[in-house]
């Protein structure tokens, strides 16, 4: 997998006029074997990309559900190396995005992590605590690698900062649907619509929306604004109830996006 696999997947989705379903799971939650089964289930139930969270002891951008899943994964011995091993063993045929914080990757060794991630099947890297321009050395290292450096954008990001953030973005742009931490609650309103318009005006990359999407109906509604829908906390919460509960939510989300399949009419062309 590589940056090119992400681009190719978006192209296939455009040709099929489909909005991407992008589920998130914390590596090693609720345990390694269940996490491995869940990753394979996501692909089987219609995921187009998968975000895999790298457990970290201080996940400040995450809400209580993902924080709890991270702590349980860490208590079970999951590490950044373990997460890459999990992804490799899952043998997924779709692009995987490693999602997390900078500290575990720097502890692993940035270049070493990038090399091992590529070997494991990771196509993109999304770091919640690496603002654009904050560390040019780290950015250059990722840019020189096969991994796409995916950027987060908040609804309140002003135009000048938006330009800086998106200047080097790759793969797709992840727009946070609301302020605050992750969690299953969101409202689709004028502020989100304005944020989408501003991002669309600043980049030709595909746009994914996440933070708070918890139902098929919400996924369908959001799909009218974007190219991809990210679901994290709601899915992690369902996995706590068992793999079949998580599977039911995936099926509901996939059905909701099928019902909103015309959303890509307004996407930026490539």
C-alpha atoms as a PDB file:
ATOM      1  CA  UNK A   1       0.000   0.000   0.000  1.00  0.00           C
ATOM      2  CA  UNK A   2       1.161   3.545  -0.671  1.00  0.00           C
ATOM      3  CA  UNK A   3      -0.008   7.072  -1.256  1.00  0.00           C
ATOM      4  CA  UNK A   4      -0.976   5.867  -4.724  1.00  0.00           C
ATOM      5  CA  UNK A   5      -3.355   3.269  -3.267  1.00  0.00           C
ATOM      6  CA  UNK A   6      -5.245   6.065  -1.520  1.00  0.00           C
ATOM      7  CA  UNK A   7      -5.513   8.058  -4.736  1.00  0.00           C
ATOM      8  CA  UNK A   8      -6.609   4.977  -6.658  1.00  0.00           C
ATOM      9  CA  UNK A   9      -9.290   4.194  -4.102  1.00  0.00           C
ATOM     10  CA  UNK A  10     -10.724   7.700  -4.341  1.00  0.00           C
ATOM     11  CA  UNK A  11     -10.762   7.401  -8.104  1.00  0.00           C
ATOM     12  CA  UNK A  12     -12.721   4.143  -7.897  1.00  0.00           C
ATOM     13  CA  UNK A  13     -15.191   5.753  -5.517  1.00  0.00           C
ATOM     14  CA  UNK A  14     -15.712   8.687  -7.892  1.00  0.00           C
ATOM     15  CA  UNK A  15     -16.337   6.332 -10.778  1.00  0.00           C
ATOM     16  CA  UNK A  16     -18.889   4.454  -8.675  1.00  0.00           C
ATOM     17  CA  UNK A  17     -20.366   7.730  -7.365  1.00  0.00           C
ATOM     18  CA  UNK A  18     -20.001   6.518  -3.794  1.00  0.00           C
ATOM     19  CA  UNK A  19     -19.119   8.224  -0.535  1.00  0.00           C
ATOM     20  CA  UNK A  20     -16.308   6.462   1.310  1.00  0.00           C
ATOM     21  CA  UNK A  21     -17.012   4.704   4.576  1.00  0.00           C
ATOM     22  CA  UNK A  22     -13.973   5.196   6.822  1.00  0.00           C
ATOM     23  CA  UNK A  23     -14.239   3.340  10.145  1.00  0.00           C
ATOM     24  CA  UNK A  24     -11.779   3.799  13.000  1.00  0.00           C
ATOM     25  CA  UNK A  25     -10.720   1.186  15.534  1.00  0.00           C
ATOM     26  CA  UNK A  26      -8.109   1.301  18.289  1.00  0.00           C
ATOM     27  CA  UNK A  27      -5.398  -1.301  17.720  1.00  0.00           C
ATOM     28  CA  UNK A  28      -5.568  -3.986  20.396  1.00  0.00           C
ATOM     29  CA  UNK A  29      -9.060  -3.179  21.649  1.00  0.00           C
ATOM     30  CA  UNK A  30     -10.717  -4.936  23.392  1.00  0.00           C
ATOM     31  CA  UNK A  31      -7.879  -7.441  22.963  1.00  0.00           C
ATOM     32  CA  UNK A  32      -5.554  -8.419  20.147  1.00  0.00           C
ATOM     33  CA  UNK A  33      -7.566 -11.305  18.748  1.00  0.00           C
ATOM     34  CA  UNK A  34     -10.844  -9.357  18.797  1.00  0.00           C
ATOM     35  CA  UNK A  35      -9.081  -6.382  17.206  1.00  0.00           C
ATOM     36  CA  UNK A  36      -7.761  -8.577  14.399  1.00  0.00           C
ATOM     37  CA  UNK A  37     -11.233 -10.039  13.803  1.00  0.00           C
ATOM     38  CA  UNK A  38     -12.744  -6.550  13.810  1.00  0.00           C
ATOM     39  CA  UNK A  39     -10.324  -5.217  11.197  1.00  0.00           C
ATOM     40  CA  UNK A  40     -11.206  -8.038   8.846  1.00  0.00           C
ATOM     41  CA  UNK A  41     -14.910  -7.521   9.568  1.00  0.00           C
ATOM     42  CA  UNK A  42     -14.665  -3.843   8.617  1.00  0.00           C
ATOM     43  CA  UNK A  43     -13.333  -4.735   5.194  1.00  0.00           C
ATOM     44  CA  UNK A  44     -15.955  -7.457   4.716  1.00  0.00           C
ATOM     45  CA  UNK A  45     -18.787  -5.074   5.637  1.00  0.00           C
ATOM     46  CA  UNK A  46     -17.932  -2.333   3.190  1.00  0.00           C
ATOM     47  CA  UNK A  47     -15.140  -0.141   4.552  1.00  0.00           C
ATOM     48  CA  UNK A  48     -13.298   1.797   1.846  1.00  0.00           C
ATOM     49  CA  UNK A  49     -10.431   2.938   4.074  1.00  0.00           C
ATOM     50  CA  UNK A  50      -9.676   1.955   7.676  1.00  0.00           C
ATOM     51  CA  UNK A  51      -8.167   4.187  10.326  1.00  0.00           C
ATOM     52  CA  UNK A  52      -6.224   2.273  12.962  1.00  0.00           C
ATOM     53  CA  UNK A  53      -5.552   4.122  16.183  1.00  0.00           C
ATOM     54  CA  UNK A  54      -2.086   3.771  17.699  1.00  0.00           C
ATOM     55  CA  UNK A  55      -2.538   3.522  21.484  1.00  0.00           C
ATOM     56  CA  UNK A  56      -1.022   6.392  23.460  1.00  0.00           C
ATOM     57  CA  UNK A  57      -1.110   7.100  27.184  1.00  0.00           C
ATOM     58  CA  UNK A  58      -2.232  10.731  26.847  1.00  0.00           C
ATOM     59  CA  UNK A  59      -4.797  10.953  23.989  1.00  0.00           C
ATOM     60  CA  UNK A  60      -5.949  14.527  24.624  1.00  0.00           C
ATOM     61  CA  UNK A  61      -7.918  14.923  21.383  1.00  0.00           C
ATOM     62  CA  UNK A  62     -10.065  11.878  22.098  1.00  0.00           C
ATOM     63  CA  UNK A  63     -13.226  11.564  24.119  1.00  0.00           C
ATOM     64  CA  UNK A  64     -13.914   9.073  26.910  1.00  0.00           C
ATOM     65  CA  UNK A  65     -14.833   6.136  24.672  1.00  0.00           C
ATOM     66  CA  UNK A  66     -11.614   6.135  22.666  1.00  0.00           C
ATOM     67  CA  UNK A  67      -9.559   7.107  25.722  1.00  0.00           C
ATOM     68  CA  UNK A  68     -10.904   4.049  27.513  1.00  0.00           C
ATOM     69  CA  UNK A  69     -10.235   1.810  24.506  1.00  0.00           C
ATOM     70  CA  UNK A  70      -6.687   3.132  24.328  1.00  0.00           C
ATOM     71  CA  UNK A  71      -6.039   2.429  27.992  1.00  0.00           C
ATOM     72  CA  UNK A  72      -7.422  -1.089  27.693  1.00  0.00           C
ATOM     73  CA  UNK A  73      -5.250  -1.714  24.637  1.00  0.00           C
ATOM     74  CA  UNK A  74      -2.160  -0.410  26.450  1.00  0.00           C
ATOM     75  CA  UNK A  75      -2.968  -2.553  29.502  1.00  0.00           C
ATOM     76  CA  UNK A  76      -3.143  -5.528  27.153  1.00  0.00           C
ATOM     77  CA  UNK A  77       0.366  -4.830  25.914  1.00  0.00           C
ATOM     78  CA  UNK A  78      -0.442  -3.115  22.620  1.00  0.00           C
ATOM     79  CA  UNK A  79       2.297  -0.844  21.256  1.00  0.00           C
ATOM     80  CA  UNK A  80       3.040   0.946  18.010  1.00  0.00           C
ATOM     81  CA  UNK A  81       5.018  -2.101  16.896  1.00  0.00           C
ATOM     82  CA  UNK A  82       2.142  -4.327  17.924  1.00  0.00           C
ATOM     83  CA  UNK A  83      -0.293  -2.200  15.934  1.00  0.00           C
ATOM     84  CA  UNK A  84       1.810  -2.577  12.786  1.00  0.00           C
ATOM     85  CA  UNK A  85       2.025  -6.318  13.377  1.00  0.00           C
ATOM     86  CA  UNK A  86      -1.766  -6.419  13.743  1.00  0.00           C
ATOM     87  CA  UNK A  87      -2.284  -4.548  10.469  1.00  0.00           C
ATOM     88  CA  UNK A  88       0.168  -6.825   8.680  1.00  0.00           C
ATOM     89  CA  UNK A  89      -1.556  -9.950   9.986  1.00  0.00           C
ATOM     90  CA  UNK A  90      -5.004  -8.648   9.018  1.00  0.00           C
ATOM     91  CA  UNK A  91      -3.906  -8.729   5.370  1.00  0.00           C
ATOM     92  CA  UNK A  92      -6.294  -5.994   4.300  1.00  0.00           C
ATOM     93  CA  UNK A  93      -6.667  -5.151   0.616  1.00  0.00           C
ATOM     94  CA  UNK A  94      -7.830  -1.568   1.193  1.00  0.00           C
ATOM     95  CA  UNK A  95      -5.808   1.473   2.290  1.00  0.00           C
ATOM     96  CA  UNK A  96      -5.068   1.754   6.008  1.00  0.00           C
ATOM     97  CA  UNK A  97      -4.381   5.063   7.741  1.00  0.00           C
ATOM     98  CA  UNK A  98      -2.355   4.994  10.966  1.00  0.00           C
ATOM     99  CA  UNK A  99      -4.036   7.515  13.258  1.00  0.00           C
ATOM    100  CA  UNK A 100      -2.533   8.805  16.460  1.00  0.00           C
ATOM    101  CA  UNK A 101      -0.051  10.984  18.264  1.00  0.00           C
ATOM    102  CA  UNK A 102       3.542  11.846  17.536  1.00  0.00           C
ATOM    103  CA  UNK A 103       5.224  10.615  20.726  1.00  0.00           C
ATOM    104  CA  UNK A 104       4.872   6.839  20.165  1.00  0.00           C
ATOM    105  CA  UNK A 105       6.173   7.227  16.610  1.00  0.00           C
ATOM    106  CA  UNK A 106       9.184   9.286  17.676  1.00  0.00           C
ATOM    107  CA  UNK A 107       9.896   6.726  20.400  1.00  0.00           C
ATOM    108  CA  UNK A 108       9.756   4.006  17.745  1.00  0.00           C
ATOM    109  CA  UNK A 109      11.967   6.048  15.435  1.00  0.00           C
ATOM    110  CA  UNK A 110      10.284   8.057  12.694  1.00  0.00           C
ATOM    111  CA  UNK A 111      12.098   6.608   9.680  1.00  0.00           C
ATOM    112  CA  UNK A 112      11.951   3.113  11.149  1.00  0.00           C
ATOM    113  CA  UNK A 113       8.225   3.473  11.798  1.00  0.00           C
ATOM    114  CA  UNK A 114       7.562   4.715   8.274  1.00  0.00           C
ATOM    115  CA  UNK A 115       9.484   1.817   6.763  1.00  0.00           C
ATOM    116  CA  UNK A 116       7.758  -0.790   8.920  1.00  0.00           C
ATOM    117  CA  UNK A 117       4.348   0.818   8.407  1.00  0.00           C
ATOM    118  CA  UNK A 118       4.730   0.629   4.645  1.00  0.00           C
ATOM    119  CA  UNK A 119       5.743  -3.030   4.904  1.00  0.00           C
ATOM    120  CA  UNK A 120       2.679  -3.723   7.081  1.00  0.00           C
ATOM    121  CA  UNK A 121       0.255  -2.215   4.550  1.00  0.00           C
ATOM    122  CA  UNK A 122      -0.204   1.298   5.917  1.00  0.00           C
ATOM    123  CA  UNK A 123      -0.877   3.875   3.202  1.00  0.00           C
ATOM    124  CA  UNK A 124      -1.329   7.087   5.192  1.00  0.00           C
ATOM    125  CA  UNK A 125      -0.391   8.784   8.438  1.00  0.00           C
ATOM    126  CA  UNK A 126      -2.598  11.171  10.392  1.00  0.00           C
ATOM    127  CA  UNK A 127      -1.084  12.777  13.493  1.00  0.00           C
ATOM    128  CA  UNK A 128      -3.440  14.779  15.671  1.00  0.00           C
ATOM    129  CA  UNK A 129      -0.663  16.721  17.401  1.00  0.00           C
ATOM    130  CA  UNK A 130       1.519  17.697  14.433  1.00  0.00           C
ATOM    131  CA  UNK A 131       0.194  21.055  13.174  1.00  0.00           C
ATOM    132  CA  UNK A 132       1.305  21.971   9.669  1.00  0.00           C
ATOM    133  CA  UNK A 133       4.629  23.796   9.759  1.00  0.00           C
ATOM    134  CA  UNK A 134       5.331  22.880  13.371  1.00  0.00           C
ATOM    135  CA  UNK A 135       8.224  20.544  12.557  1.00  0.00           C
ATOM    136  CA  UNK A 136       9.448  20.779   8.978  1.00  0.00           C
ATOM    137  CA  UNK A 137      11.960  17.987   9.474  1.00  0.00           C
ATOM    138  CA  UNK A 138       9.272  15.486  10.385  1.00  0.00           C
ATOM    139  CA  UNK A 139       7.091  16.671   7.530  1.00  0.00           C
ATOM    140  CA  UNK A 140       9.898  16.334   4.987  1.00  0.00           C
ATOM    141  CA  UNK A 141      10.611  12.803   6.186  1.00  0.00           C
ATOM    142  CA  UNK A 142       6.990  11.752   5.704  1.00  0.00           C
ATOM    143  CA  UNK A 143       6.736  13.554   2.350  1.00  0.00           C
ATOM    144  CA  UNK A 144       9.765  11.626   1.124  1.00  0.00           C
ATOM    145  CA  UNK A 145       8.133   8.323   2.071  1.00  0.00           C
ATOM    146  CA  UNK A 146       5.363   6.269   0.431  1.00  0.00           C
ATOM    147  CA  UNK A 147       2.952   7.286   3.228  1.00  0.00           C
ATOM    148  CA  UNK A 148       0.465  10.099   2.623  1.00  0.00           C
ATOM    149  CA  UNK A 149       0.517  12.832   5.275  1.00  0.00           C
ATOM    150  CA  UNK A 150      -3.166  13.462   5.950  1.00  0.00           C
ATOM    151  CA  UNK A 151      -4.233  16.694   7.628  1.00  0.00           C
ATOM    152  CA  UNK A 152      -6.930  17.541  10.170  1.00  0.00           C
ATOM    153  CA  UNK A 153      -8.890  20.769   9.760  1.00  0.00           C
ATOM    154  CA  UNK A 154     -11.232  22.309  12.323  1.00  0.00           C
ATOM    155  CA  UNK A 155     -14.356  24.350  11.457  1.00  0.00           C
ATOM    156  CA  UNK A 156     -12.750  27.385  13.111  1.00  0.00           C
ATOM    157  CA  UNK A 157      -9.486  27.268  11.130  1.00  0.00           C
ATOM    158  CA  UNK A 158      -9.101  30.709   9.573  1.00  0.00           C
ATOM    159  CA  UNK A 159      -8.295  31.228   5.899  1.00  0.00           C
ATOM    160  CA  UNK A 160      -4.593  31.959   6.362  1.00  0.00           C
ATOM    161  CA  UNK A 161      -4.074  28.919   8.564  1.00  0.00           C
ATOM    162  CA  UNK A 162      -6.184  26.788   6.223  1.00  0.00           C
ATOM    163  CA  UNK A 163      -3.871  27.670   3.345  1.00  0.00           C
ATOM    164  CA  UNK A 164      -0.802  26.620   5.355  1.00  0.00           C
ATOM    165  CA  UNK A 165      -2.429  23.404   6.579  1.00  0.00           C
ATOM    166  CA  UNK A 166      -3.546  22.263   3.158  1.00  0.00           C
ATOM    167  CA  UNK A 167      -0.421  23.296   1.231  1.00  0.00           C
ATOM    168  CA  UNK A 168       1.267  19.957   1.840  1.00  0.00           C
ATOM    169  CA  UNK A 169      -1.746  17.768   2.554  1.00  0.00           C
ATOM    170  CA  UNK A 170      -1.895  14.383   0.859  1.00  0.00           C
ATOM    171  CA  UNK A 171      -4.423  11.585   0.442  1.00  0.00           C
ATOM    172  CA  UNK A 172      -7.466  13.436   1.730  1.00  0.00           C
ATOM    173  CA  UNK A 173      -8.442  16.128   4.214  1.00  0.00           C
ATOM    174  CA  UNK A 174     -10.114  15.153   7.481  1.00  0.00           C
ATOM    175  CA  UNK A 175     -12.564  17.876   8.520  1.00  0.00           C
ATOM    176  CA  UNK A 176     -13.618  17.776  12.168  1.00  0.00           C
ATOM    177  CA  UNK A 177     -17.385  18.194  12.177  1.00  0.00           C
ATOM    178  CA  UNK A 178     -17.502  20.024  15.502  1.00  0.00           C
ATOM    179  CA  UNK A 179     -15.296  21.467  18.222  1.00  0.00           C
ATOM    180  CA  UNK A 180     -14.196  19.400  21.209  1.00  0.00           C
ATOM    181  CA  UNK A 181     -13.010  15.818  21.542  1.00  0.00           C
ATOM    182  CA  UNK A 182     -14.151  12.698  19.745  1.00  0.00           C
ATOM    183  CA  UNK A 183     -17.490  11.162  20.707  1.00  0.00           C
ATOM    184  CA  UNK A 184     -20.821  10.020  19.242  1.00  0.00           C
ATOM    185  CA  UNK A 185     -22.625  13.330  18.931  1.00  0.00           C
ATOM    186  CA  UNK A 186     -22.754  15.804  16.066  1.00  0.00           C
ATOM    187  CA  UNK A 187     -25.039  18.348  14.455  1.00  0.00           C
ATOM    188  CA  UNK A 188     -25.086  19.144  10.761  1.00  0.00           C
ATOM    189  CA  UNK A 189     -25.620  22.872  10.547  1.00  0.00           C
ATOM    190  CA  UNK A 190     -24.552  26.061   8.790  1.00  0.00           C
ATOM    191  CA  UNK A 191     -21.138  26.159  10.468  1.00  0.00           C
ATOM    192  CA  UNK A 192     -20.221  22.755   9.088  1.00  0.00           C
ATOM    193  CA  UNK A 193     -21.524  23.663   5.648  1.00  0.00           C
ATOM    194  CA  UNK A 194     -19.460  26.854   5.627  1.00  0.00           C
ATOM    195  CA  UNK A 195     -16.369  24.926   6.727  1.00  0.00           C
ATOM    196  CA  UNK A 196     -16.870  22.453   3.885  1.00  0.00           C
ATOM    197  CA  UNK A 197     -17.158  25.285   1.364  1.00  0.00           C
ATOM    198  CA  UNK A 198     -13.966  26.895   2.640  1.00  0.00           C
ATOM    199  CA  UNK A 199     -12.006  23.638   2.476  1.00  0.00           C
ATOM    200  CA  UNK A 200     -13.376  22.892  -1.001  1.00  0.00           C
ATOM    201  CA  UNK A 201     -12.173  26.307  -2.108  1.00  0.00           C
ATOM    202  CA  UNK A 202      -8.662  25.666  -0.790  1.00  0.00           C
ATOM    203  CA  UNK A 203      -7.863  22.153  -2.032  1.00  0.00           C
ATOM    204  CA  UNK A 204      -8.738  19.626  -4.703  1.00  0.00           C
ATOM    205  CA  UNK A 205      -8.151  16.724  -2.328  1.00  0.00           C
ATOM    206  CA  UNK A 206     -11.110  14.554  -1.276  1.00  0.00           C
ATOM    207  CA  UNK A 207     -12.810  15.652   1.925  1.00  0.00           C
ATOM    208  CA  UNK A 208     -13.760  13.316   4.785  1.00  0.00           C
ATOM    209  CA  UNK A 209     -15.882  14.415   7.742  1.00  0.00           C
ATOM    210  CA  UNK A 210     -15.654  12.851  11.186  1.00  0.00           C
ATOM    211  CA  UNK A 211     -16.058  13.365  14.969  1.00  0.00           C
ATOM    212  CA  UNK A 212     -19.484  12.419  16.273  1.00  0.00           C
ATOM    213  CA  UNK A 213     -21.120  10.408  13.488  1.00  0.00           C
ATOM    214  CA  UNK A 214     -22.909   7.495  15.128  1.00  0.00           C
ATOM    215  CA  UNK A 215     -25.805   6.316  12.937  1.00  0.00           C
ATOM    216  CA  UNK A 216     -26.596   5.429   9.373  1.00  0.00           C
ATOM    217  CA  UNK A 217     -28.920   8.430   9.134  1.00  0.00           C
ATOM    218  CA  UNK A 218     -26.176  10.812  10.270  1.00  0.00           C
ATOM    219  CA  UNK A 219     -23.759   9.224   7.792  1.00  0.00           C
ATOM    220  CA  UNK A 220     -26.293   9.687   4.994  1.00  0.00           C
ATOM    221  CA  UNK A 221     -26.887  13.331   5.912  1.00  0.00           C
ATOM    222  CA  UNK A 222     -23.177  14.171   6.167  1.00  0.00           C
ATOM    223  CA  UNK A 223     -22.449  12.355   2.898  1.00  0.00           C
ATOM    224  CA  UNK A 224     -24.227  15.153   1.072  1.00  0.00           C
ATOM    225  CA  UNK A 225     -21.357  17.447   2.033  1.00  0.00           C
ATOM    226  CA  UNK A 226     -18.278  15.297   1.554  1.00  0.00           C
ATOM    227  CA  UNK A 227     -16.423  12.462  -0.134  1.00  0.00           C
ATOM    228  CA  UNK A 228     -15.952  10.292   2.953  1.00  0.00           C
ATOM    229  CA  UNK A 229     -17.507   9.725   6.365  1.00  0.00           C
ATOM    230  CA  UNK A 230     -15.370   8.742   9.376  1.00  0.00           C
ATOM    231  CA  UNK A 231     -16.931   6.799  12.267  1.00  0.00           C
ATOM    232  CA  UNK A 232     -14.876   6.117  15.382  1.00  0.00           C
ATOM    233  CA  UNK A 233     -16.315   6.352  18.885  1.00  0.00           C
ATOM    234  CA  UNK A 234     -19.670   4.797  18.013  1.00  0.00           C
ATOM    235  CA  UNK A 235     -17.956   1.822  16.407  1.00  0.00           C
ATOM    236  CA  UNK A 236     -15.476   1.388  19.260  1.00  0.00           C
ATOM    237  CA  UNK A 237     -18.405   1.501  21.690  1.00  0.00           C
ATOM    238  CA  UNK A 238     -20.215  -1.203  19.723  1.00  0.00           C
ATOM    239  CA  UNK A 239     -17.107  -3.378  19.682  1.00  0.00           C
ATOM    240  CA  UNK A 240     -17.184  -3.288  23.470  1.00  0.00           C
ATOM    241  CA  UNK A 241     -20.526  -5.087  23.145  1.00  0.00           C
ATOM    242  CA  UNK A 242     -19.094  -7.697  20.786  1.00  0.00           C
ATOM    243  CA  UNK A 243     -18.092  -8.154  17.177  1.00  0.00           C
ATOM    244  CA  UNK A 244     -21.662  -8.729  15.993  1.00  0.00           C
ATOM    245  CA  UNK A 245     -22.831  -5.434  17.472  1.00  0.00           C
ATOM    246  CA  UNK A 246     -20.019  -3.640  15.634  1.00  0.00           C
ATOM    247  CA  UNK A 247     -20.939  -5.518  12.464  1.00  0.00           C
ATOM    248  CA  UNK A 248     -24.561  -4.344  12.752  1.00  0.00           C
ATOM    249  CA  UNK A 249     -23.434  -0.716  12.975  1.00  0.00           C
ATOM    250  CA  UNK A 250     -21.151  -1.152   9.959  1.00  0.00           C
ATOM    251  CA  UNK A 251     -24.069  -2.564   7.972  1.00  0.00           C
ATOM    252  CA  UNK A 252     -26.269   0.352   9.077  1.00  0.00           C
ATOM    253  CA  UNK A 253     -23.612   2.891   8.080  1.00  0.00           C
ATOM    254  CA  UNK A 254     -23.030   1.246   4.708  1.00  0.00           C
ATOM    255  CA  UNK A 255     -26.775   1.229   4.029  1.00  0.00           C
ATOM    256  CA  UNK A 256     -27.034   4.894   4.995  1.00  0.00           C
ATOM    257  CA  UNK A 257     -24.276   5.839   2.578  1.00  0.00           C
ATOM    258  CA  UNK A 258     -25.830   3.802  -0.213  1.00  0.00           C
ATOM    259  CA  UNK A 259     -28.999   5.824   0.276  1.00  0.00           C
ATOM    260  CA  UNK A 260     -26.940   9.013  -0.044  1.00  0.00           C
ATOM    261  CA  UNK A 261     -24.930   7.856  -3.029  1.00  0.00           C
ATOM    262  CA  UNK A 262     -25.536  11.022  -5.066  1.00  0.00           C
ATOM    263  CA  UNK A 263     -23.355  13.048  -2.671  1.00  0.00           C
ATOM    264  CA  UNK A 264     -20.264  12.815  -4.847  1.00  0.00           C
ATOM    265  CA  UNK A 265     -21.903  14.981  -7.515  1.00  0.00           C
ATOM    266  CA  UNK A 266     -20.423  18.032  -5.837  1.00  0.00           C
ATOM    267  CA  UNK A 267     -16.956  16.663  -5.147  1.00  0.00           C
ATOM    268  CA  UNK A 268     -13.858  18.375  -6.425  1.00  0.00           C
ATOM    269  CA  UNK A 269     -12.604  16.771  -9.624  1.00  0.00           C
ATOM    270  CA  UNK A 270      -9.090  15.378  -9.898  1.00  0.00           C
END
